[in-house]
Amino acid sequence: MSSDKEVVIEFDIASGNPTVSVKGMAGRSCKLETADIEASLGKVAGSRKTADYAKAEETKNRASQQG
């Protein structure tokens, strides 16, 4: 498994709205990684969690149930 982390910022030319996406980070670490970027860009209009986020949260929940 690759440990490469990537944050991509894309702008919709027509609307000027940015989209920030994260690859290679799981769970809440992606929000921590992009917090400064989101603050600089302004109000966040929406957020969508990916399968990586859900997988990390599921692993975390299993570990807490076993411990």
C-alpha atoms as a PDB file:
ATOM      1  CA  MET A   1       0.000   0.000   0.000  1.00  0.00           C
ATOM      2  CA  SER A   2       1.301   3.418  -0.923  1.00  0.00           C
ATOM      3  CA  SER A   3       1.865   6.041   1.737  1.00  0.00           C
ATOM      4  CA  ASP A   4       1.595   8.939  -0.730  1.00  0.00           C
ATOM      5  CA  LYS A   5      -0.677  11.731   0.422  1.00  0.00           C
ATOM      6  CA  GLU A   6      -2.246  14.153  -1.994  1.00  0.00           C
ATOM      7  CA  VAL A   7      -4.443  17.230  -1.612  1.00  0.00           C
ATOM      8  CA  VAL A   8      -5.957  18.522  -4.848  1.00  0.00           C
ATOM      9  CA  ILE A   9      -7.660  21.901  -5.251  1.00  0.00           C
ATOM     10  CA  GLU A  10      -9.735  22.383  -8.410  1.00  0.00           C
ATOM     11  CA  PHE A  11     -11.708  25.442  -9.474  1.00  0.00           C
ATOM     12  CA  ASP A  12     -14.868  25.337 -11.569  1.00  0.00           C
ATOM     13  CA  ILE A  13     -14.192  27.908 -14.273  1.00  0.00           C
ATOM     14  CA  ALA A  14     -17.865  28.847 -14.748  1.00  0.00           C
ATOM     15  CA  SER A  15     -18.726  29.372 -11.073  1.00  0.00           C
ATOM     16  CA  GLY A  16     -15.303  29.987  -9.562  1.00  0.00           C
ATOM     17  CA  ASN A  17     -16.111  27.503  -6.804  1.00  0.00           C
ATOM     18  CA  PRO A  18     -13.214  25.417  -5.478  1.00  0.00           C
ATOM     19  CA  THR A  19     -13.257  21.704  -4.712  1.00  0.00           C
ATOM     20  CA  VAL A  20     -10.709  20.241  -2.300  1.00  0.00           C
ATOM     21  CA  SER A  21     -10.123  16.496  -2.448  1.00  0.00           C
ATOM     22  CA  VAL A  22      -7.785  14.288  -0.455  1.00  0.00           C
ATOM     23  CA  LYS A  23      -6.159  10.994  -1.393  1.00  0.00           C
ATOM     24  CA  GLY A  24      -3.986   8.700   0.688  1.00  0.00           C
ATOM     25  CA  MET A  25      -5.385   9.757   4.061  1.00  0.00           C
ATOM     26  CA  ALA A  26      -7.986   7.900   6.053  1.00  0.00           C
ATOM     27  CA  GLY A  27     -10.553   8.977   8.594  1.00  0.00           C
ATOM     28  CA  ARG A  28     -10.449  12.340  10.261  1.00  0.00           C
ATOM     29  CA  SER A  29      -6.829  13.014   9.290  1.00  0.00           C
ATOM     30  CA  CYS A  30      -8.034  14.350   5.929  1.00  0.00           C
ATOM     31  CA  LYS A  31     -10.092  17.087   7.652  1.00  0.00           C
ATOM     32  CA  LEU A  32      -7.106  18.051   9.778  1.00  0.00           C
ATOM     33  CA  GLU A  33      -4.921  18.183   6.677  1.00  0.00           C
ATOM     34  CA  THR A  34      -7.299  20.501   4.790  1.00  0.00           C
ATOM     35  CA  ALA A  35      -8.475  22.740   7.658  1.00  0.00           C
ATOM     36  CA  ASP A  36      -6.121  25.613   6.798  1.00  0.00           C
ATOM     37  CA  ILE A  37      -6.950  25.380   3.095  1.00  0.00           C
ATOM     38  CA  GLU A  38     -10.691  25.458   3.784  1.00  0.00           C
ATOM     39  CA  ALA A  39     -10.283  28.421   6.132  1.00  0.00           C
ATOM     40  CA  SER A  40      -8.343  30.316   3.462  1.00  0.00           C
ATOM     41  CA  LEU A  41     -10.905  29.590   0.749  1.00  0.00           C
ATOM     42  CA  GLY A  42     -13.878  30.707   2.840  1.00  0.00           C
ATOM     43  CA  LYS A  43     -17.192  29.150   3.793  1.00  0.00           C
ATOM     44  CA  VAL A  44     -17.481  25.423   3.090  1.00  0.00           C
ATOM     45  CA  ALA A  45     -20.651  24.836   1.070  1.00  0.00           C
ATOM     46  CA  GLY A  46     -20.611  21.052   1.418  1.00  0.00           C
ATOM     47  CA  SER A  47     -18.580  18.044   2.390  1.00  0.00           C
ATOM     48  CA  ARG A  48     -18.624  14.437   1.230  1.00  0.00           C
ATOM     49  CA  LYS A  49     -16.818  11.588   2.943  1.00  0.00           C
ATOM     50  CA  THR A  50     -15.129   8.968   0.781  1.00  0.00           C
ATOM     51  CA  ALA A  51     -14.843   5.219   1.226  1.00  0.00           C
ATOM     52  CA  ASP A  52     -11.396   5.728   2.818  1.00  0.00           C
ATOM     53  CA  TYR A  53     -12.948   7.838   5.565  1.00  0.00           C
ATOM     54  CA  ALA A  54     -15.612   5.240   6.282  1.00  0.00           C
ATOM     55  CA  LYS A  55     -13.089   2.387   6.260  1.00  0.00           C
ATOM     56  CA  ALA A  56     -10.887   4.149   8.804  1.00  0.00           C
ATOM     57  CA  GLU A  57     -13.832   4.928  11.077  1.00  0.00           C
ATOM     58  CA  GLU A  58     -15.034   1.306  10.886  1.00  0.00           C
ATOM     59  CA  THR A  59     -11.559   0.036  11.826  1.00  0.00           C
ATOM     60  CA  LYS A  60     -11.420   2.514  14.717  1.00  0.00           C
ATOM     61  CA  ASN A  61     -14.847   1.394  15.992  1.00  0.00           C
ATOM     62  CA  ARG A  62     -13.889  -2.289  15.853  1.00  0.00           C
ATOM     63  CA  ALA A  63     -10.710  -1.617  17.808  1.00  0.00           C
ATOM     64  CA  SER A  64     -12.579   0.266  20.527  1.00  0.00           C
ATOM     65  CA  GLN A  65     -15.141  -2.543  20.828  1.00  0.00           C
ATOM     66  CA  GLN A  66     -12.412  -5.176  21.196  1.00  0.00           C
ATOM     67  CA  GLY A  67     -10.405  -3.140  23.714  1.00  0.00           C
END
